[in-house]
Protein backbone atom coordinates (compact mmCIF):
# COMPACT_ATOMS: atom_id res chain seq x y z
CA UNK A 1 -2.91 -37.30 12.57
CA UNK A 2 -5.87 -39.18 14.03
CA UNK A 3 -8.03 -41.41 11.85
CA UNK A 4 -11.67 -41.64 12.95
CA UNK A 5 -13.40 -45.06 12.92
CA UNK A 6 -17.22 -45.31 12.69
CA UNK A 7 -19.07 -46.36 15.84
CA UNK A 8 -22.83 -46.54 16.14
CA UNK A 9 -23.00 -45.16 12.59
CA UNK A 10 -21.56 -41.83 13.75
CA UNK A 11 -18.48 -40.05 12.42
CA UNK A 12 -16.59 -36.90 13.20
CA UNK A 13 -13.40 -35.27 11.99
CA UNK A 14 -10.54 -34.39 14.28
CA UNK A 15 -6.89 -33.42 13.90
CA UNK A 16 -4.78 -35.12 16.55
CA UNK A 17 -1.86 -37.46 16.90
CA UNK A 18 -3.26 -40.98 17.40
CA UNK A 19 -6.17 -43.16 16.29
CA UNK A 20 -9.67 -42.28 17.50
CA UNK A 21 -12.92 -44.18 17.57
CA UNK A 22 -15.59 -41.76 16.41
CA UNK A 23 -17.73 -40.16 19.05
CA UNK A 24 -21.10 -38.42 18.69
CA UNK A 25 -20.57 -34.74 18.04
CA UNK A 26 -20.69 -32.48 21.08
CA UNK A 27 -23.63 -30.14 21.32
CA UNK A 28 -24.67 -27.09 23.29
CA UNK A 29 -27.16 -29.30 25.14
CA UNK A 30 -24.44 -31.32 26.85
CA UNK A 31 -24.80 -31.18 30.65
CA UNK A 32 -21.39 -29.55 31.14
CA UNK A 33 -20.14 -27.22 33.83
CA UNK A 34 -16.91 -25.33 33.18
CA UNK A 35 -14.78 -24.90 36.27
CA UNK A 36 -11.15 -23.72 36.30
CA UNK A 37 -8.24 -26.05 36.99
CA UNK A 38 -6.64 -23.84 39.62
CA UNK A 39 -9.16 -23.45 42.44
CA UNK A 40 -8.13 -20.58 44.72
CA UNK A 41 -9.89 -22.19 47.67
CA UNK A 42 -7.88 -25.40 47.09
CA UNK A 43 -11.04 -27.47 46.67
CA UNK A 44 -11.23 -29.75 43.66
CA UNK A 45 -14.39 -28.81 41.77
CA UNK A 46 -16.75 -31.53 40.60
CA UNK A 47 -17.29 -31.47 36.85
CA UNK A 48 -20.42 -32.80 35.18
CA UNK A 49 -20.35 -33.88 31.56
CA UNK A 50 -20.12 -36.84 29.22
CA UNK A 51 -17.67 -39.59 28.34
CA UNK A 52 -16.85 -41.11 24.97
CA UNK A 53 -13.95 -43.41 24.06
CA UNK A 54 -11.10 -43.90 21.59
CA UNK A 55 -8.30 -46.35 20.87
CA UNK A 56 -5.65 -44.98 23.26
CA UNK A 57 -2.06 -46.11 23.74
CA UNK A 58 -1.01 -43.58 26.40
CA UNK A 59 0.59 -41.11 24.02
CA UNK A 60 -1.06 -38.03 22.49
CA UNK A 61 -1.07 -34.25 22.65
CA UNK A 62 0.64 -34.23 26.08
CA UNK A 63 3.63 -35.96 24.45
CA UNK A 64 4.03 -38.70 27.04
CA UNK A 65 5.41 -42.06 25.94
CA UNK A 66 2.95 -44.83 25.11
CA UNK A 67 1.93 -46.88 28.17
CA UNK A 68 0.69 -50.23 26.82
CA UNK A 69 0.69 -51.72 30.32
CA UNK A 70 -1.46 -48.90 31.70
CA UNK A 71 -4.36 -47.83 29.50
CA UNK A 72 -6.35 -46.10 32.23
CA UNK A 73 -5.92 -42.84 30.32
CA UNK A 74 -8.09 -40.12 28.79
CA UNK A 75 -8.15 -37.03 26.58
CA UNK A 76 -9.26 -33.67 27.99
CA UNK A 77 -11.81 -31.55 26.19
CA UNK A 78 -10.57 -28.56 24.21
CA UNK A 79 -12.24 -25.99 26.48
CA UNK A 80 -10.52 -27.13 29.68
CA UNK A 81 -7.22 -28.40 28.25
CA UNK A 82 -5.89 -24.94 29.15
CA UNK A 83 -2.47 -25.04 27.46
CA UNK A 84 -1.67 -28.54 28.77
CA UNK A 85 -2.48 -27.65 32.40
CA UNK A 86 -4.28 -31.00 32.86
CA UNK A 87 -1.55 -33.10 31.24
CA UNK A 88 -0.48 -35.84 33.63
CA UNK A 89 -3.30 -35.09 36.07
CA UNK A 90 -5.21 -37.97 37.62
CA UNK A 91 -8.98 -37.74 37.32
CA UNK A 92 -11.63 -39.79 39.11
CA UNK A 93 -14.51 -40.58 36.77
CA UNK A 94 -17.90 -41.69 38.06
CA UNK A 95 -20.23 -43.57 35.71
CA UNK A 96 -23.24 -45.85 35.83
CA UNK A 97 -21.20 -49.03 36.34
CA UNK A 98 -18.51 -47.74 38.66
CA UNK A 99 -15.68 -45.34 39.44
CA UNK A 100 -12.20 -45.30 37.91
CA UNK A 101 -9.08 -43.15 37.97
CA UNK A 102 -7.51 -42.15 34.66
CA UNK A 103 -4.46 -40.06 33.71
CA UNK A 104 -4.86 -37.22 31.21
CA UNK A 105 -2.53 -37.80 28.25
CA UNK A 106 -4.31 -36.31 25.23
CA UNK A 107 -6.57 -33.58 23.85
CA UNK A 108 -10.04 -33.85 22.32
CA UNK A 109 -10.27 -30.46 20.58
CA UNK A 110 -13.91 -30.71 19.48
CA UNK A 111 -15.16 -31.85 22.91
CA UNK A 112 -17.01 -29.28 25.01
CA UNK A 113 -16.42 -28.45 28.68
CA UNK A 114 -17.01 -31.41 30.98
CA UNK A 115 -16.34 -33.97 28.24
CA UNK A 116 -13.69 -36.67 28.75
CA UNK A 117 -12.67 -39.00 25.93
CA UNK A 118 -11.63 -42.19 27.71
CA UNK A 119 -9.62 -45.12 26.50
CA UNK A 120 -11.79 -48.04 25.41
CA UNK A 121 -10.52 -49.99 28.42
CA UNK A 122 -11.47 -47.24 30.88
CA UNK A 123 -14.89 -46.59 29.36
CA UNK A 124 -15.82 -50.27 29.69
CA UNK A 125 -15.39 -50.01 33.46
CA UNK A 126 -17.90 -47.16 33.87
CA UNK A 127 -20.57 -48.08 31.28
CA UNK A 128 -21.40 -50.31 28.33
CA UNK A 129 -19.24 -49.79 25.23
CA UNK A 130 -22.15 -49.92 22.72
CA UNK A 131 -23.63 -46.78 24.29
CA UNK A 132 -20.66 -44.75 23.07
CA UNK A 133 -21.65 -41.58 24.92
CA UNK A 134 -22.71 -41.52 28.57
CA UNK A 135 -23.16 -39.00 31.42
CA UNK A 136 -20.39 -38.77 34.03
CA UNK A 137 -19.04 -36.65 36.83
CA UNK A 138 -15.32 -36.23 37.45
CA UNK A 139 -12.77 -34.41 39.58
CA UNK A 140 -8.97 -34.22 39.96
CA UNK A 141 -7.55 -36.60 42.59
CA UNK A 142 -4.14 -37.37 44.11
CA UNK A 143 -3.53 -41.12 44.02
CA UNK A 144 -0.44 -42.82 45.38
CA UNK A 145 2.43 -42.50 42.90
CA UNK A 146 5.57 -44.60 43.19
CA UNK A 147 8.84 -42.69 43.17
CA UNK A 148 9.72 -39.00 42.78
CA UNK A 149 8.79 -36.59 40.02
CA UNK A 150 11.03 -36.73 36.95
CA UNK A 151 12.41 -34.21 34.46
CA UNK A 152 12.36 -35.26 30.82
CA UNK A 153 14.40 -33.23 28.32
CA UNK A 154 12.96 -33.14 24.82
CA UNK A 155 14.87 -34.38 21.79
CA UNK A 156 16.65 -31.34 20.37
CA UNK A 157 16.82 -29.63 23.78
CA UNK A 158 20.10 -27.82 24.39
CA UNK A 159 21.64 -24.94 26.33
CA UNK A 160 20.07 -22.35 23.97
CA UNK A 161 16.63 -23.98 23.56
CA UNK A 162 15.87 -25.90 26.72
CA UNK A 163 12.67 -27.96 26.86
CA UNK A 164 11.66 -29.81 30.03
CA UNK A 165 8.60 -31.92 30.74
CA UNK A 166 7.57 -32.93 34.26
CA UNK A 167 6.64 -36.59 34.59
CA UNK A 168 5.41 -38.93 37.33
CA UNK A 169 3.74 -36.13 39.27
CA UNK A 170 0.94 -36.83 41.73
CA UNK A 171 -0.83 -33.49 41.26
CA UNK A 172 -1.32 -31.23 38.22
CA UNK A 173 1.64 -28.94 37.56
CA UNK A 174 0.95 -25.20 37.81
CA UNK A 175 4.45 -23.70 37.49
CA UNK A 176 8.03 -24.61 36.57
CA UNK A 177 11.06 -22.42 37.34
CA UNK A 178 14.85 -22.57 37.22
CA UNK A 179 17.42 -20.69 39.31
CA UNK A 180 19.74 -18.30 37.51
CA UNK A 181 21.48 -15.04 38.39
CA UNK A 182 20.25 -15.31 41.98
CA UNK A 183 16.58 -15.44 41.03
CA UNK A 184 13.84 -17.86 40.02
CA UNK A 185 12.77 -17.60 36.39
CA UNK A 186 9.35 -18.96 35.40
CA UNK A 187 9.44 -21.01 32.19
CA UNK A 188 6.49 -20.78 29.75
CA UNK A 189 4.46 -23.94 29.14
CA UNK A 190 3.62 -25.00 25.60
CA UNK A 191 0.41 -26.65 24.40
CA UNK A 192 2.46 -29.82 23.87
CA UNK A 193 3.27 -30.00 27.60
CA UNK A 194 6.91 -28.92 27.65
CA UNK A 195 8.26 -25.94 29.53
CA UNK A 196 10.52 -24.22 27.00
CA UNK A 197 13.11 -21.53 27.70
CA UNK A 198 14.57 -19.69 24.70
CA UNK A 199 16.60 -16.55 23.93
CA UNK A 200 18.63 -17.64 25.77
CA UNK A 201 17.95 -21.14 27.06
CA UNK A 202 18.82 -22.37 30.52
CA UNK A 203 22.48 -22.92 29.72
CA UNK A 204 24.38 -26.22 29.79
CA UNK A 205 23.40 -27.21 33.32
CA UNK A 206 23.40 -28.69 35.85
CA UNK A 207 20.22 -26.94 36.93
CA UNK A 208 18.25 -26.11 40.02
CA UNK A 209 14.52 -26.51 39.36
CA UNK A 210 11.42 -25.56 41.35
CA UNK A 211 8.08 -27.16 40.51
CA UNK A 212 4.75 -25.96 41.93
CA UNK A 213 1.54 -27.99 41.86
CA UNK A 214 -2.07 -26.76 41.70
CA UNK A 215 -2.24 -26.66 45.52
CA UNK A 216 0.85 -24.41 45.78
CA UNK A 217 3.10 -27.21 47.05
CA UNK A 218 6.68 -26.86 45.77
CA UNK A 219 9.54 -29.26 45.11
CA UNK A 220 13.13 -28.08 44.57
CA UNK A 221 15.84 -30.20 42.95
CA UNK A 222 19.46 -29.20 42.41
CA UNK A 223 22.24 -30.70 40.33
CA UNK A 224 19.93 -31.82 37.51
CA UNK A 225 22.10 -32.53 34.42
CA UNK A 226 20.94 -31.83 30.88
CA UNK A 227 20.27 -35.15 29.13
CA UNK A 228 18.82 -34.64 25.66
CA UNK A 229 15.86 -36.98 25.10
CA UNK A 230 16.52 -38.37 28.56
CA UNK A 231 14.83 -38.45 31.95
CA UNK A 232 16.39 -37.42 35.28
CA UNK A 233 14.63 -38.26 38.54
CA UNK A 234 14.01 -35.62 41.18
CA UNK A 235 14.16 -36.32 44.89
CA UNK A 236 10.59 -35.82 46.07
CA UNK A 237 6.91 -36.26 45.35
CA UNK A 238 3.98 -33.94 46.03
CA UNK A 239 1.74 -34.58 49.03
CA UNK A 240 -1.91 -35.54 48.43
CA UNK A 241 -4.33 -32.78 47.60
CA UNK A 242 -7.40 -31.89 49.68
């Protein structure tokens, strides 16, 4: 549950999983443009909106681990969160003082389209903290990522209820599948950023997985063991987007 802290004498209420600094309430006058995550022409759309900030630790609605050594992170607005489709995506944010790249790790449910809620550390690099709410533009980017993608199995995951999260991915994830009975089976994605297969699950493993990014690039990994509450590295990384 998030606890809001007053800033610039403004307060708002929000139900989330970590501590927030209060932001001015979103309004219908915000200069926001809603554009879908998956662009059929493979061009990353430019979004126009606003930025606020909160006390981030790298965890949040996307259920990634805290990243105290990397606080270049942000929460996605509730309109464009799109069932966790942006979780783990890298976003270039352009503000008055400069340009930064942040990773989406959380959800700001009351924020309107175009709105990014940045970590305090990230906000300070694009504008002055006392302003609290500033205009920005942003788009998805594909920065260099060290190492391959990784498969993280949720605590409680088993052969009957199998929950997998994709980590360390360069591009946003569009689809996750596993191979069974001589066919690929697409696994539904939850709002908390796990792909969960039930009734039945994926079995005891090892598994063959196929992951597709927003640009239709695919990675296939075989021999992935089931490790409850553990992470297993894949063998490849996505190429850069357009």
